[in-house]
Amino acid sequence: MAEVNTTVEVTPGAAARIRSVVAEQSGQVTGLRVGLQDGGCSGYTYLIEFEPKADDDDMVIELEGARIFVHPLHVPFLAGSVLRWNEDRFQSGFVLDNPNVKRTCGCGISFDV
């Protein structure tokens, strides 16, 4: 497992939310997987989900006590991204600001890199 901290930047709010969920799940999850999956009208959607552990070939990003797992094939598409936690009156969730996105679909859910 390679240890890096340059692929995805994690804001303090996102790190706090990851730490909180990991603590709540006490041993069932150890970090957050961030990646891409095929889907949507523009080609890709983000995969952001909590996982019990990193895969052997994952890059593990540890920032502010939070662990992020990224599959090596997704690293070039996520380099320079910022993961933040967004919470307002209407919704809450992780948001990935990715400078590699070339276009998004009309609904803003899928994208092309």
Protein backbone atom coordinates (compact mmCIF):
# COMPACT_ATOMS: atom_id res chain seq x y z
CA MET A 1 0.00 0.00 0.00
CA ALA A 2 1.59 3.27 -1.12
CA GLU A 3 1.30 6.26 1.22
CA VAL A 4 0.83 9.60 -0.57
CA ASN A 5 -0.82 12.89 0.25
CA THR A 6 -0.74 14.79 -3.05
CA THR A 7 -3.56 13.34 -5.17
CA VAL A 8 -6.63 14.76 -3.46
CA GLU A 9 -6.71 17.66 -1.02
CA VAL A 10 -9.13 17.25 1.87
CA THR A 11 -10.69 20.27 3.53
CA PRO A 12 -10.91 20.37 7.33
CA GLY A 13 -14.71 19.92 7.15
CA ALA A 14 -14.40 16.81 4.96
CA ALA A 15 -11.71 15.35 7.21
CA ALA A 16 -13.89 15.96 10.27
CA ARG A 17 -16.85 14.21 8.62
CA ILE A 18 -14.71 11.21 7.62
CA ARG A 19 -13.31 10.92 11.15
CA SER A 20 -16.82 11.17 12.59
CA VAL A 21 -18.25 8.39 10.40
CA VAL A 22 -15.25 6.13 11.02
CA ALA A 23 -15.67 6.64 14.78
CA GLU A 24 -19.44 6.00 14.58
CA GLN A 25 -18.92 2.80 12.58
CA SER A 26 -16.24 1.60 15.06
CA GLY A 27 -14.24 -0.92 13.06
CA GLN A 28 -16.71 -1.46 10.21
CA VAL A 29 -15.11 1.26 8.08
CA THR A 30 -11.61 2.76 8.17
CA GLY A 31 -11.74 5.32 5.38
CA LEU A 32 -13.45 6.86 2.39
CA ARG A 33 -13.00 5.53 -1.17
CA VAL A 34 -12.89 8.23 -3.85
CA GLY A 35 -12.90 7.22 -7.49
CA LEU A 36 -14.67 7.18 -10.82
CA GLN A 37 -17.25 4.82 -12.23
CA ASP A 38 -18.82 4.54 -15.67
CA GLY A 39 -22.20 6.16 -15.85
CA GLY A 40 -24.32 9.12 -16.72
CA CYS A 41 -24.69 10.88 -20.02
CA SER A 42 -21.17 12.36 -20.01
CA GLY A 43 -19.25 9.17 -19.23
CA TYR A 44 -18.33 9.10 -15.53
CA THR A 45 -19.76 9.69 -12.09
CA TYR A 46 -17.89 9.87 -8.81
CA LEU A 47 -17.67 6.93 -6.48
CA ILE A 48 -17.52 8.21 -2.90
CA GLU A 49 -18.24 5.58 -0.26
CA PHE A 50 -16.94 4.37 3.07
CA GLU A 51 -14.97 1.12 3.04
CA PRO A 52 -13.78 -1.35 5.66
CA LYS A 53 -10.16 -1.17 4.43
CA ALA A 54 -7.96 -0.16 1.54
CA ASP A 55 -7.19 -2.63 -1.24
CA ASP A 56 -3.56 -3.76 -1.47
CA ASP A 57 -2.82 -1.60 -4.52
CA ASP A 58 -4.74 1.50 -3.36
CA MET A 59 -3.05 4.80 -2.75
CA VAL A 60 -3.89 5.82 0.79
CA ILE A 61 -4.05 9.52 1.53
CA GLU A 62 -3.94 10.42 5.20
CA LEU A 63 -4.77 14.01 6.00
CA GLU A 64 -5.89 15.50 9.31
CA GLY A 65 -6.55 12.02 10.72
CA ALA A 66 -8.78 11.00 7.81
CA ARG A 67 -7.98 8.21 5.36
CA ILE A 68 -8.88 8.37 1.65
CA PHE A 69 -8.49 5.32 -0.62
CA VAL A 70 -7.86 5.87 -4.35
CA HIS A 71 -7.34 3.11 -6.92
CA PRO A 72 -4.14 3.77 -8.92
CA LEU A 73 -6.05 3.88 -12.24
CA HIS A 74 -8.11 6.81 -10.96
CA VAL A 75 -5.18 8.90 -9.73
CA PRO A 76 -4.53 10.77 -13.03
CA PHE A 77 -8.22 11.73 -13.25
CA LEU A 78 -8.39 12.99 -9.66
CA ALA A 79 -4.99 14.72 -9.33
CA GLY A 80 -5.43 18.21 -7.94
CA SER A 81 -9.00 17.63 -6.76
CA VAL A 82 -10.36 19.03 -3.52
CA LEU A 83 -12.74 16.93 -1.41
CA ARG A 84 -15.01 18.99 0.79
CA TRP A 85 -18.04 18.39 2.98
CA ASN A 86 -21.05 20.50 2.03
CA GLU A 87 -23.90 20.95 4.45
CA ASP A 88 -26.72 23.44 4.12
CA ARG A 89 -30.43 23.63 4.83
CA PHE A 90 -31.34 21.46 1.85
CA GLN A 91 -28.66 18.77 1.57
CA SER A 92 -25.36 17.47 2.85
CA GLY A 93 -22.66 15.36 1.31
CA PHE A 94 -19.14 15.16 -0.04
CA VAL A 95 -18.32 17.31 -3.06
CA LEU A 96 -15.27 16.78 -5.26
CA ASP A 97 -13.94 19.86 -7.04
CA ASN A 98 -11.96 18.30 -9.90
CA PRO A 99 -9.83 20.52 -12.19
CA ASN A 100 -9.54 17.66 -14.73
CA VAL A 101 -13.22 17.73 -15.75
CA LYS A 102 -13.60 18.78 -19.39
CA ARG A 103 -17.40 18.90 -19.51
CA THR A 104 -20.41 17.99 -17.42
CA CYS A 105 -23.90 16.89 -18.35
CA GLY A 106 -26.91 19.17 -18.04
CA CYS A 107 -27.87 17.81 -14.63
CA GLY A 108 -24.31 18.17 -13.30
CA ILE A 109 -24.06 14.58 -12.09
CA SER A 110 -21.81 13.04 -14.74
CA PHE A 111 -18.69 14.38 -16.42
CA ASP A 112 -15.88 13.69 -18.88
CA VAL A 113 -12.16 13.90 -18.12
